[in-house]
Amino acid sequence: MDAVVAAPRALLGRTIVGPASVRIRDGRIVEVTTGEAPPGAEVLSDGLLTPGLVDVQVNGAVGVDFAEVDAAGMRAVAQALPSTGVTRFLPTLITAPVDVVLRQARAVLAASAALPDGVGARPLGVHLEGPFLSPKRAGVHDPSFMVEPGPDQISALLDDDLIRRALRMVTMAPEQPGGFEAVRRLVEAGVLVAVGHSDATGEQTRAAADAGARMVTHLFNAQRPLGHREPGVPGVALVDERFTLGLIADLAHVGPDVCRLVFNAAGARVALVTDAVAAAGMPPGRYHLGGADVLLTEDGVPRSPEGTIAGSALTLDRAVRNIVSVGVPVADALASATIVPAEVIGESGLGRLAPGAVADLVWWDDDLRPRKVWVDGQVVFDAEVPVAPVAAGYATAGR
């Protein structure tokens, strides 16, 4: 039987219109109409209806580090993320020896496969942020584990059938020896390649796009900076329309004025990401990122014991609110958390309210806080329904 959700306003494509209704059948959207709600619709009294948010860079949340994940931990994350509007996410693993990364990736995939239907947000595969990075732009990644992306190293990923099928994204420094050929091989295998943790010059960044790279991981962070003569990674990324720009909009990784600058320059190509770590949705304390300690203090920014920013405790709904707060229109901010990240990873059925798309929906209140969330047409979060603890030792994501 069809279900219909009607709202006074809805995000269709990159525009807010309304009123509008979405008809759902077997977990898919079969019709979207504007105007008066049809008989039998669930009529949302106010607020805004959008597609579910898609986060393509998540290292962990609610006390769970994906480098150490098991089935219970994955379930905890999947249950917690809808309270932040996220319905699909890409588990991310940071730099480790290649054999360790492969073992961690298999654990992520096994934990993902163990998720029952209807429990919450759904993982999309795996994103490897390393180990093919530049020690010059290491951030909190361990430089001793970084390796050049030679043929044998890339073959170790692509010759493993399970990993090859699930590998959606690789962040790498293309200027490293063998980098451009590695970009080509990964792209030919259907993997999204992102430039990140990179000391690439502007010329090398453009060459990476020529080889098939299509994203920049956390723009401005851990990369050769923008200069007025040497544009570095961000300078080329802002003007080369082949790149989608990942942006951590916690206003600590990138300041408010620069976030607004990015949207002014390339707003249609921005994908908001959290780069969230296990500390996301948790109180101040000590957590893990890639198995290493990070400390979340009262300022809300996770840091290594040496004081380097280590991912974020950001949630994607808060990233949207932050971007709106710097003057970006609501529709543009929401598009950057829905259709843009979905398109860059090749998921045309996500991130949009359109016939044929997956029925992932978010009902927002007038303050842009999620009130109800659907995944595959099933309600997985309702702000008016008390939420029980998701698992022993884990907490629900903070709002």
Protein backbone atom coordinates (compact mmCIF):
# COMPACT_ATOMS: atom_id res chain seq x y z
CA MET A 1 0.00 0.00 0.00
CA ASP A 2 1.26 3.47 -0.85
CA ALA A 3 2.12 6.02 1.82
CA VAL A 4 2.01 9.75 1.12
CA VAL A 5 3.85 12.43 3.06
CA ALA A 6 2.73 16.03 2.47
CA ALA A 7 4.58 19.12 3.63
CA PRO A 8 4.05 22.88 3.40
CA ARG A 9 7.55 23.19 1.88
CA ALA A 10 9.90 20.69 0.26
CA LEU A 11 13.35 20.67 -1.30
CA LEU A 12 12.95 19.56 -4.91
CA GLY A 13 16.30 19.47 -6.65
CA ARG A 14 18.02 22.60 -5.37
CA THR A 15 14.87 24.66 -4.85
CA ILE A 16 12.39 24.90 -1.99
CA VAL A 17 8.80 24.78 -3.20
CA GLY A 18 5.47 24.01 -1.63
CA PRO A 19 3.19 22.67 -0.65
CA ALA A 20 4.33 19.29 -1.98
CA SER A 21 3.55 15.61 -1.51
CA VAL A 22 5.74 12.53 -1.85
CA ARG A 23 4.17 9.13 -2.61
CA ILE A 24 6.13 6.09 -1.38
CA ARG A 25 5.83 2.47 -2.48
CA ASP A 26 8.13 -0.40 -1.46
CA GLY A 27 10.78 1.95 -0.11
CA ARG A 28 10.93 4.12 -3.23
CA ILE A 29 9.45 7.44 -4.23
CA VAL A 30 6.95 6.86 -7.03
CA GLU A 31 5.47 10.35 -7.38
CA VAL A 32 6.11 13.92 -6.29
CA THR A 33 3.38 16.50 -6.70
CA THR A 34 2.87 20.11 -5.71
CA GLY A 35 -0.32 21.69 -4.45
CA GLU A 36 -2.99 20.41 -2.10
CA ALA A 37 -2.28 17.19 -0.22
CA PRO A 38 -4.07 14.12 -1.63
CA PRO A 39 -6.58 12.19 0.51
CA GLY A 40 -4.99 9.91 3.08
CA ALA A 41 -1.67 11.75 3.20
CA GLU A 42 0.33 12.19 6.37
CA VAL A 43 0.25 15.97 6.49
CA LEU A 44 3.20 17.64 8.19
CA SER A 45 1.92 20.74 9.94
CA ASP A 46 4.90 22.98 9.35
CA GLY A 47 8.61 22.94 8.63
CA LEU A 48 10.37 21.53 5.59
CA LEU A 49 10.64 18.11 3.91
CA THR A 50 13.95 17.17 2.27
CA PRO A 51 15.83 14.10 1.12
CA GLY A 52 17.94 12.33 3.72
CA LEU A 53 21.41 13.71 4.29
CA VAL A 54 24.41 11.84 2.85
CA ASP A 55 27.77 12.01 4.67
CA VAL A 56 30.71 10.66 2.66
CA GLN A 57 33.34 11.09 5.39
CA VAL A 58 32.57 9.53 8.77
CA ASN A 59 35.32 7.99 10.88
CA GLY A 60 32.94 7.09 13.69
CA ALA A 61 30.40 8.49 16.15
CA VAL A 62 28.73 7.85 19.51
CA GLY A 63 31.87 6.29 20.94
CA VAL A 64 32.51 4.02 17.95
CA ASP A 65 35.73 4.20 15.89
CA PHE A 66 35.28 2.46 12.54
CA ALA A 67 38.87 1.22 12.72
CA GLU A 68 37.76 -0.97 15.62
CA VAL A 69 34.10 -1.55 14.73
CA ASP A 70 31.99 -4.63 15.34
CA ALA A 71 28.34 -5.36 14.58
CA ALA A 72 27.11 -3.72 17.80
CA GLY A 73 29.16 -0.60 17.12
CA MET A 74 27.90 -0.27 13.56
CA ARG A 75 24.35 -0.67 14.76
CA ALA A 76 24.91 2.05 17.36
CA VAL A 77 26.09 4.49 14.70
CA ALA A 78 23.31 3.53 12.29
CA GLN A 79 20.67 4.11 14.97
CA ALA A 80 22.15 7.41 16.12
CA LEU A 81 22.75 9.19 12.81
CA PRO A 82 19.10 9.70 11.78
CA SER A 83 18.62 12.07 14.72
CA THR A 84 21.05 14.31 12.82
CA GLY A 85 19.21 13.92 9.50
CA VAL A 86 21.73 11.45 8.04
CA THR A 87 20.22 8.47 6.23
CA ARG A 88 23.29 7.23 4.28
CA PHE A 89 26.95 7.41 5.27
CA LEU A 90 30.34 6.30 4.05
CA PRO A 91 32.46 4.72 6.83
CA THR A 92 35.98 6.14 6.58
CA LEU A 93 39.27 4.55 7.63
CA ILE A 94 42.40 6.62 8.16
CA THR A 95 46.03 5.78 7.47
CA ALA A 96 47.37 2.40 8.57
CA PRO A 97 49.58 -0.23 6.91
CA VAL A 98 47.86 -1.58 3.80
CA ASP A 99 47.29 -5.04 5.31
CA VAL A 100 45.76 -3.45 8.40
CA VAL A 101 43.54 -1.17 6.29
CA LEU A 102 42.29 -4.22 4.39
CA ARG A 103 41.50 -6.03 7.63
CA GLN A 104 39.69 -2.96 9.01
CA ALA A 105 37.73 -2.57 5.77
CA ARG A 106 36.58 -6.19 5.93
CA ALA A 107 35.42 -5.64 9.50
CA VAL A 108 33.47 -2.54 8.46
CA LEU A 109 31.82 -4.46 5.63
CA ALA A 110 30.95 -7.41 7.86
CA ALA A 111 29.45 -5.09 10.47
CA SER A 112 27.50 -3.28 7.75
CA ALA A 113 26.14 -6.54 6.35
CA ALA A 114 24.94 -7.52 9.83
CA LEU A 115 22.66 -4.49 10.11
CA PRO A 116 18.99 -5.50 10.13
CA ASP A 117 16.60 -3.60 7.90
CA GLY A 118 14.88 -0.63 9.46
CA VAL A 119 17.36 0.10 12.24
CA GLY A 120 18.56 3.48 10.97
CA ALA A 121 21.00 5.02 8.51
CA ARG A 122 22.62 2.73 5.96
CA PRO A 123 26.36 2.48 5.19
CA LEU A 124 27.45 2.85 1.58
CA GLY A 125 30.70 0.88 1.50
CA VAL A 126 34.06 2.19 2.60
CA HIS A 127 36.22 5.30 2.13
CA LEU A 128 39.98 4.93 2.56
CA GLU A 129 41.59 8.18 3.67
CA GLY A 130 45.13 6.91 3.30
CA PRO A 131 47.64 5.40 3.41
CA PHE A 132 48.63 7.04 0.07
CA LEU A 133 49.05 10.50 1.60
CA SER A 134 51.84 13.07 1.87
CA PRO A 135 53.85 13.07 5.10
CA LYS A 136 54.18 16.84 4.55
CA ARG A 137 50.43 17.21 5.14
CA ALA A 138 49.86 14.41 7.63
CA GLY A 139 47.52 16.08 10.11
CA VAL A 140 46.97 13.42 12.78
CA HIS A 141 47.66 10.55 10.36
CA ASP A 142 50.80 8.61 11.25
CA PRO A 143 53.44 9.41 8.59
CA SER A 144 55.28 6.18 9.32
CA PHE A 145 52.35 4.24 7.87
CA MET A 146 52.12 6.28 4.67
CA VAL A 147 53.24 4.57 1.47
CA GLU A 148 53.56 5.52 -2.16
CA PRO A 149 50.64 4.35 -4.32
CA GLY A 150 52.67 1.95 -6.43
CA PRO A 151 51.19 -0.78 -8.65
CA ASP A 152 51.48 -3.47 -5.99
CA GLN A 153 49.77 -1.33 -3.37
CA ILE A 154 46.84 -0.48 -5.65
CA SER A 155 46.58 -4.11 -6.75
CA ALA A 156 46.29 -5.12 -3.08
CA LEU A 157 43.04 -3.13 -3.01
CA LEU A 158 41.64 -3.99 -6.40
CA ASP A 159 42.56 -7.68 -6.50
CA ASP A 160 40.51 -8.34 -3.37
CA ASP A 161 37.00 -8.97 -4.73
CA LEU A 162 35.20 -7.95 -1.53
CA ILE A 163 37.16 -4.73 -1.13
CA ARG A 164 36.90 -3.83 -4.82
CA ARG A 165 33.11 -4.14 -4.80
CA ALA A 166 32.72 -2.04 -1.65
CA LEU A 167 35.46 0.53 -2.16
CA ARG A 168 33.68 3.78 -2.99
CA MET A 169 36.28 6.46 -2.35
CA VAL A 170 40.04 6.82 -1.84
CA THR A 171 41.62 10.02 -0.58
CA MET A 172 45.23 10.31 -1.74
CA ALA A 173 48.10 12.70 -2.50
CA PRO A 174 48.44 12.42 -6.29
CA GLU A 175 51.85 14.09 -6.38
CA GLN A 176 53.44 11.10 -4.65
CA PRO A 177 55.47 8.79 -6.95
CA GLY A 178 53.06 6.66 -8.96
CA GLY A 179 50.14 8.86 -7.91
CA PHE A 180 48.66 9.82 -11.27
CA GLU A 181 48.73 6.24 -12.56
CA ALA A 182 47.11 5.14 -9.30
CA VAL A 183 44.35 7.71 -9.83
CA ARG A 184 43.72 6.32 -13.30
CA ARG A 185 43.59 2.71 -12.10
CA LEU A 186 41.22 3.47 -9.25
CA VAL A 187 38.93 5.53 -11.45
CA GLU A 188 38.85 2.78 -14.07
CA ALA A 189 37.77 0.41 -11.28
CA GLY A 190 34.84 2.72 -10.45
CA VAL A 191 36.35 4.32 -7.34
CA LEU A 192 35.94 8.02 -6.57
CA VAL A 193 39.40 9.54 -6.06
CA ALA A 194 39.75 12.61 -3.87
CA VAL A 195 42.80 14.82 -3.46
CA GLY A 196 43.61 15.16 0.22
CA HIS A 197 46.42 15.29 2.76
CA SER A 198 48.36 16.52 -0.23
CA ASP A 199 51.20 18.92 -0.93
CA ALA A 200 50.24 19.05 -4.61
CA THR A 201 50.84 22.28 -6.49
CA GLY A 202 48.04 23.81 -8.49
CA GLU A 203 49.45 22.23 -11.64
CA GLN A 204 49.60 18.80 -10.00
CA THR A 205 46.06 19.21 -8.67
CA ARG A 206 44.81 19.95 -12.17
CA ALA A 207 46.76 16.94 -13.48
CA ALA A 208 44.97 14.79 -10.90
CA ALA A 209 41.65 15.97 -12.35
CA ASP A 210 42.94 15.13 -15.82
CA ALA A 211 43.66 11.62 -14.53
CA GLY A 212 40.12 11.32 -13.17
CA ALA A 213 40.14 12.67 -9.59
CA ARG A 214 36.80 14.34 -8.87
CA MET A 215 36.82 15.47 -5.24
CA VAL A 216 38.91 17.34 -2.72
CA THR A 217 38.87 16.01 0.83
CA HIS A 218 38.24 18.63 3.54
CA LEU A 219 39.07 21.71 1.49
CA PHE A 220 41.85 23.88 3.00
CA ASN A 221 42.72 21.32 5.68
CA ALA A 222 45.94 19.26 5.38
CA GLN A 223 46.83 20.48 1.89
CA ARG A 224 49.13 22.98 0.20
CA PRO A 225 47.37 26.28 0.88
CA LEU A 226 45.99 28.90 -1.47
CA GLY A 227 48.50 31.47 -2.62
CA HIS A 228 48.05 34.37 -4.97
CA ARG A 229 50.68 32.99 -7.37
CA GLU A 230 50.75 29.29 -6.45
CA PRO A 231 47.09 28.31 -6.03
CA GLY A 232 47.82 25.01 -4.34
CA VAL A 233 45.02 22.49 -3.93
CA PRO A 234 42.22 24.85 -2.86
CA GLY A 235 42.91 27.47 -5.50
CA VAL A 236 42.52 25.01 -8.36
CA ALA A 237 39.64 23.21 -6.67
CA LEU A 238 37.66 26.43 -6.38
CA VAL A 239 37.88 27.16 -10.12
CA ASP A 240 38.08 23.70 -11.72
CA GLU A 241 34.48 22.59 -12.12
CA ARG A 242 35.47 18.93 -12.27
CA PHE A 243 36.04 18.94 -8.50
CA THR A 244 33.45 18.50 -5.78
CA LEU A 245 34.66 20.23 -2.63
CA GLY A 246 34.36 18.45 0.70
CA LEU A 247 33.94 21.03 3.47
CA ILE A 248 33.96 20.50 7.24
CA ALA A 249 31.60 23.27 8.34
CA ASP A 250 32.13 23.17 12.09
CA LEU A 251 33.54 26.73 11.75
CA ALA A 252 36.74 25.53 13.44
CA HIS A 253 38.35 23.63 10.55
CA VAL A 254 37.40 26.47 8.20
CA GLY A 255 36.34 29.88 9.48
CA PRO A 256 32.92 31.42 8.78
CA ASP A 257 34.14 33.98 6.24
CA VAL A 258 36.03 31.37 4.26
CA CYS A 259 33.04 29.01 4.31
CA ARG A 260 30.99 31.82 2.79
CA LEU A 261 33.77 32.49 0.28
CA VAL A 262 33.70 28.83 -0.79
CA PHE A 263 29.96 28.95 -1.39
CA ASN A 264 30.23 32.25 -3.24
CA ALA A 265 32.89 30.77 -5.52
CA ALA A 266 31.64 27.21 -6.02
CA GLY A 267 28.46 26.65 -4.03
CA ALA A 268 26.94 24.16 -6.45
CA ARG A 269 29.99 21.89 -6.02
CA VAL A 270 30.26 21.87 -2.21
CA ALA A 271 29.61 18.65 -0.31
CA LEU A 272 29.29 19.17 3.41
CA VAL A 273 31.01 16.42 5.38
CA THR A 274 31.49 15.89 9.09
CA ASP A 275 34.81 14.01 9.25
CA ALA A 276 33.21 12.87 12.51
CA VAL A 277 35.16 10.70 14.92
CA ALA A 278 34.01 8.54 17.83
CA ALA A 279 33.63 11.70 19.93
CA ALA A 280 30.67 12.91 17.84
CA GLY A 281 27.49 12.83 19.91
CA MET A 282 29.47 12.20 23.10
CA PRO A 283 30.46 14.27 26.16
CA PRO A 284 34.00 15.57 26.65
CA GLY A 285 36.45 12.76 27.17
CA ARG A 286 39.03 10.51 25.53
CA TYR A 287 38.09 8.64 22.35
CA HIS A 288 39.79 6.83 19.45
CA LEU A 289 40.52 7.73 15.83
CA GLY A 290 42.17 4.97 13.87
CA GLY A 291 42.91 3.34 17.19
CA ALA A 292 44.84 6.39 18.49
CA ASP A 293 43.69 8.59 21.36
CA VAL A 294 41.90 11.88 20.73
CA LEU A 295 40.62 14.23 23.40
CA LEU A 296 37.30 16.05 23.18
CA THR A 297 37.26 19.11 25.43
CA GLU A 298 34.54 21.62 26.25
CA ASP A 299 35.27 23.55 23.04
CA GLY A 300 33.78 20.65 21.06
CA VAL A 301 36.83 20.08 18.81
CA PRO A 302 38.64 16.71 19.08
CA ARG A 303 42.42 16.98 19.23
CA SER A 304 45.40 14.67 19.42
CA PRO A 305 47.44 14.63 22.64
CA GLU A 306 49.78 17.09 20.87
CA GLY A 307 46.91 19.50 20.19
CA THR A 308 46.33 18.88 16.46
CA ILE A 309 42.70 18.89 15.34
CA ALA A 310 41.69 15.24 14.89
CA GLY A 311 38.54 14.97 12.83
CA SER A 312 35.46 16.58 14.30
CA ALA A 313 32.53 16.10 16.65
CA LEU A 314 30.30 17.73 14.05
CA THR A 315 26.89 16.41 13.01
CA LEU A 316 25.65 17.05 9.49
CA ASP A 317 22.49 18.85 10.56
CA ARG A 318 24.62 21.26 12.55
CA ALA A 319 26.87 21.75 9.53
CA VAL A 320 23.79 22.80 7.56
CA ARG A 321 22.75 25.24 10.29
CA ASN A 322 26.28 26.62 10.48
CA ILE A 323 26.37 27.29 6.74
CA VAL A 324 22.98 28.99 6.87
CA SER A 325 24.27 31.12 9.75
CA VAL A 326 27.06 32.56 7.56
CA GLY A 327 24.54 33.73 4.98
CA VAL A 328 24.14 30.81 2.57
CA PRO A 329 20.52 30.23 1.45
CA VAL A 330 18.81 27.28 3.10
CA ALA A 331 18.24 25.45 -0.20
CA ASP A 332 21.92 25.70 -1.12
CA ALA A 333 23.05 24.51 2.30
CA LEU A 334 20.71 21.52 2.15
CA ALA A 335 21.71 20.66 -1.42
CA SER A 336 25.30 20.46 -0.19
CA ALA A 337 24.32 17.74 2.27
CA THR A 338 22.00 15.81 -0.06
CA ILE A 339 22.21 15.87 -3.84
CA VAL A 340 25.86 16.98 -4.13
CA PRO A 341 27.44 14.21 -2.04
CA ALA A 342 25.06 11.65 -3.54
CA GLU A 343 26.02 12.62 -7.07
CA VAL A 344 29.77 12.65 -6.46
CA ILE A 345 29.73 9.03 -5.27
CA GLY A 346 27.49 8.03 -8.15
CA GLU A 347 24.30 7.45 -6.13
CA SER A 348 21.63 8.93 -8.39
CA GLY A 349 18.89 7.35 -6.29
CA LEU A 350 19.88 9.23 -3.15
CA GLY A 351 19.79 12.86 -2.07
CA ARG A 352 16.67 13.88 -3.99
CA LEU A 353 12.90 13.83 -3.82
CA ALA A 354 12.09 12.45 -7.25
CA PRO A 355 10.34 9.44 -8.77
CA GLY A 356 12.59 6.39 -8.60
CA ALA A 357 14.71 7.73 -5.75
CA VAL A 358 15.08 5.90 -2.45
CA ALA A 359 12.46 7.07 0.07
CA ASP A 360 14.92 8.65 2.51
CA LEU A 361 13.23 11.74 3.94
CA VAL A 362 13.80 14.31 6.67
CA TRP A 363 11.14 16.54 8.21
CA TRP A 364 12.80 19.64 9.66
CA ASP A 365 11.34 22.18 12.06
CA ASP A 366 11.63 25.89 11.41
CA ASP A 367 15.00 25.98 13.22
CA LEU A 368 16.40 23.31 10.87
CA ARG A 369 16.38 20.53 13.43
CA PRO A 370 15.22 17.06 12.36
CA ARG A 371 11.77 16.11 13.66
CA LYS A 372 11.20 12.85 11.80
CA VAL A 373 13.39 10.75 9.49
CA TRP A 374 12.53 7.94 7.07
CA VAL A 375 14.96 5.41 5.56
CA ASP A 376 13.64 3.26 2.72
CA GLY A 377 10.19 4.61 3.54
CA GLN A 378 10.31 3.50 7.19
CA VAL A 379 10.39 5.93 10.11
CA VAL A 380 13.71 5.48 11.92
CA PHE A 381 13.68 8.65 14.04
CA ASP A 382 10.89 10.68 15.59
CA ALA A 383 11.83 13.53 17.92
CA GLU A 384 8.57 13.10 19.82
CA VAL A 385 9.29 9.46 20.64
CA PRO A 386 11.75 8.80 23.49
CA VAL A 387 14.88 7.05 22.27
CA ALA A 388 16.24 4.13 24.27
CA PRO A 389 20.03 3.67 24.52
CA VAL A 390 21.20 2.07 21.30
CA ALA A 391 23.65 -0.35 22.90
CA ALA A 392 25.61 -0.80 26.08
CA GLY A 393 28.44 1.71 26.17
CA TYR A 394 27.09 3.87 23.34
CA ALA A 395 24.96 7.01 23.34
CA THR A 396 22.61 8.62 20.88
CA ALA A 397 24.02 11.48 18.83
CA GLY A 398 23.66 14.89 20.44
CA ARG A 399 21.37 17.41 18.79
